[in-house]
Amino acid sequence: QVQLVESGGGLVQPGGSLRLSCTFSGGIFSIYYVGWYRQTPENQRELVATITPDGRTNYGKSVKGRFTISRDNYGSTVDLQMNSLNSEDTAVYYCVADRMGDFLRGSWGQGTQVTVSS
């Protein structure tokens, strides 16, 4: 059974940066589609970024150009580098994984809180 554990959330000032990391276990990481979703305080679930087994990336409109997703198939980790953060990025960030890229039906981590505030 796939397990995902996120780390790296916290409080950051507007304009700052944070790096989230997710450790994957319970499967063959290199064949999984993985990514990040977030749930806002208004309870909106949004796609943040995804990456295919062969490294192709996709980003949500609101984070494109500011966030970068990467994966390490040897370490079974997927990271999210977040730059130029603003208050609208405040959310619980979830690591997701699925063999076919159907994340809403796939495995989810427990979430990590990111708060952008001065």
Protein backbone atom coordinates (compact mmCIF):
# COMPACT_ATOMS: atom_id res chain seq x y z
CA GLN A 1 0.00 0.00 0.00
CA VAL A 2 1.42 3.35 -1.05
CA GLN A 3 2.23 5.79 1.74
CA LEU A 4 3.15 9.43 1.28
CA VAL A 5 4.69 11.64 3.96
CA GLU A 6 5.04 15.39 3.39
CA SER A 7 7.42 17.75 5.12
CA GLY A 8 8.60 21.34 4.82
CA GLY A 9 5.48 23.39 5.43
CA GLY A 10 5.34 26.38 7.73
CA LEU A 11 4.90 30.12 8.01
CA VAL A 12 6.58 32.37 5.46
CA GLN A 13 6.36 36.07 4.63
CA PRO A 14 4.94 37.30 1.33
CA GLY A 15 7.60 37.13 -1.35
CA GLY A 16 9.42 34.34 0.44
CA SER A 17 10.19 30.76 -0.53
CA LEU A 18 9.53 27.29 0.84
CA ARG A 19 10.43 23.81 -0.30
CA LEU A 20 8.08 20.91 0.31
CA SER A 21 9.23 17.33 0.15
CA CYS A 22 7.28 14.07 -0.05
CA THR A 23 8.65 10.62 0.66
CA PHE A 24 6.97 7.69 -1.14
CA SER A 25 6.90 4.08 0.04
CA GLY A 26 4.96 0.90 -0.62
CA GLY A 27 5.39 0.72 -4.39
CA ILE A 28 7.75 1.23 -7.31
CA PHE A 29 8.11 5.00 -7.27
CA SER A 30 9.60 5.32 -10.74
CA ILE A 31 6.41 4.11 -12.46
CA TYR A 32 4.04 6.40 -10.58
CA TYR A 33 2.65 9.75 -11.60
CA VAL A 34 3.14 12.04 -8.59
CA GLY A 35 2.30 15.59 -7.69
CA TRP A 36 0.87 18.16 -5.33
CA TYR A 37 -2.62 19.43 -4.70
CA ARG A 38 -3.72 22.02 -2.19
CA GLN A 39 -6.86 22.78 -0.20
CA THR A 40 -7.43 26.47 0.51
CA PRO A 41 -9.07 27.98 3.62
CA GLU A 42 -12.16 28.43 1.42
CA ASN A 43 -12.14 24.65 0.93
CA GLN A 44 -11.19 24.82 -2.72
CA ARG A 45 -9.10 21.88 -3.95
CA GLU A 46 -6.59 22.90 -6.60
CA LEU A 47 -4.01 21.15 -8.70
CA VAL A 48 -0.60 22.65 -7.96
CA ALA A 49 1.84 20.59 -10.00
CA THR A 50 2.29 17.06 -11.32
CA ILE A 51 5.13 15.10 -12.86
CA THR A 52 4.99 11.96 -14.98
CA PRO A 53 7.24 8.91 -14.57
CA ASP A 54 9.41 10.24 -17.41
CA GLY A 55 9.63 13.74 -15.95
CA ARG A 56 7.03 15.77 -17.85
CA THR A 57 5.54 18.50 -15.67
CA ASN A 58 2.21 20.26 -15.46
CA TYR A 59 1.35 23.28 -13.31
CA GLY A 60 -1.77 25.03 -12.12
CA LYS A 61 -2.26 28.46 -13.70
CA SER A 62 -1.81 30.37 -10.46
CA VAL A 63 1.60 28.85 -9.67
CA LYS A 64 3.16 28.60 -13.13
CA GLY A 65 6.50 30.39 -13.22
CA ARG A 66 6.78 30.48 -9.43
CA PHE A 67 6.71 26.81 -8.38
CA THR A 68 8.89 23.97 -9.61
CA ILE A 69 8.19 20.27 -9.14
CA SER A 70 10.94 17.66 -9.29
CA ARG A 71 11.34 13.98 -8.56
CA ASP A 72 14.17 11.74 -7.43
CA ASN A 73 13.48 8.18 -8.54
CA TYR A 74 16.41 6.83 -6.52
CA GLY A 75 15.33 8.47 -3.30
CA SER A 76 11.59 8.01 -3.99
CA THR A 77 10.88 11.66 -3.30
CA VAL A 78 9.00 14.44 -5.01
CA ASP A 79 9.75 18.04 -4.12
CA LEU A 80 7.96 21.32 -4.68
CA GLN A 81 10.03 24.49 -4.71
CA MET A 82 7.76 27.47 -4.08
CA ASN A 83 9.01 31.00 -4.78
CA SER A 84 7.40 34.44 -4.69
CA LEU A 85 4.75 33.21 -2.29
CA ASN A 86 1.67 35.32 -1.64
CA SER A 87 -1.33 35.07 0.66
CA GLU A 88 -3.33 33.18 -1.95
CA ASP A 89 -0.84 30.31 -1.66
CA THR A 90 -1.94 29.71 1.94
CA ALA A 91 -3.34 26.18 2.01
CA VAL A 92 -2.81 22.61 3.12
CA TYR A 93 -0.58 20.97 0.54
CA TYR A 94 -1.03 17.29 -0.24
CA CYS A 95 1.33 14.93 -1.98
CA VAL A 96 -0.46 12.61 -4.41
CA ALA A 97 0.47 9.49 -6.36
CA ASP A 98 -1.25 7.22 -8.87
CA ARG A 99 -0.12 4.60 -11.39
CA MET A 100 -2.29 6.10 -14.14
CA GLY A 101 -2.27 9.78 -13.16
CA ASP A 102 -5.84 9.68 -11.81
CA PHE A 103 -4.90 11.53 -8.66
CA LEU A 104 -8.36 12.03 -7.25
CA ARG A 105 -8.63 8.23 -7.01
CA GLY A 106 -5.02 7.71 -6.02
CA SER A 107 -3.04 7.89 -2.79
CA TRP A 108 -2.82 11.07 -0.74
CA GLY A 109 -0.52 12.13 2.06
CA GLN A 110 -1.70 13.62 5.33
CA GLY A 111 -0.99 17.18 4.19
CA THR A 112 1.30 19.96 5.34
CA GLN A 113 0.18 23.49 6.17
CA VAL A 114 1.69 26.44 4.31
CA THR A 115 0.79 29.89 5.63
CA VAL A 116 1.90 33.06 3.86
CA SER A 117 1.53 36.04 6.13
CA SER A 118 3.45 39.05 7.39
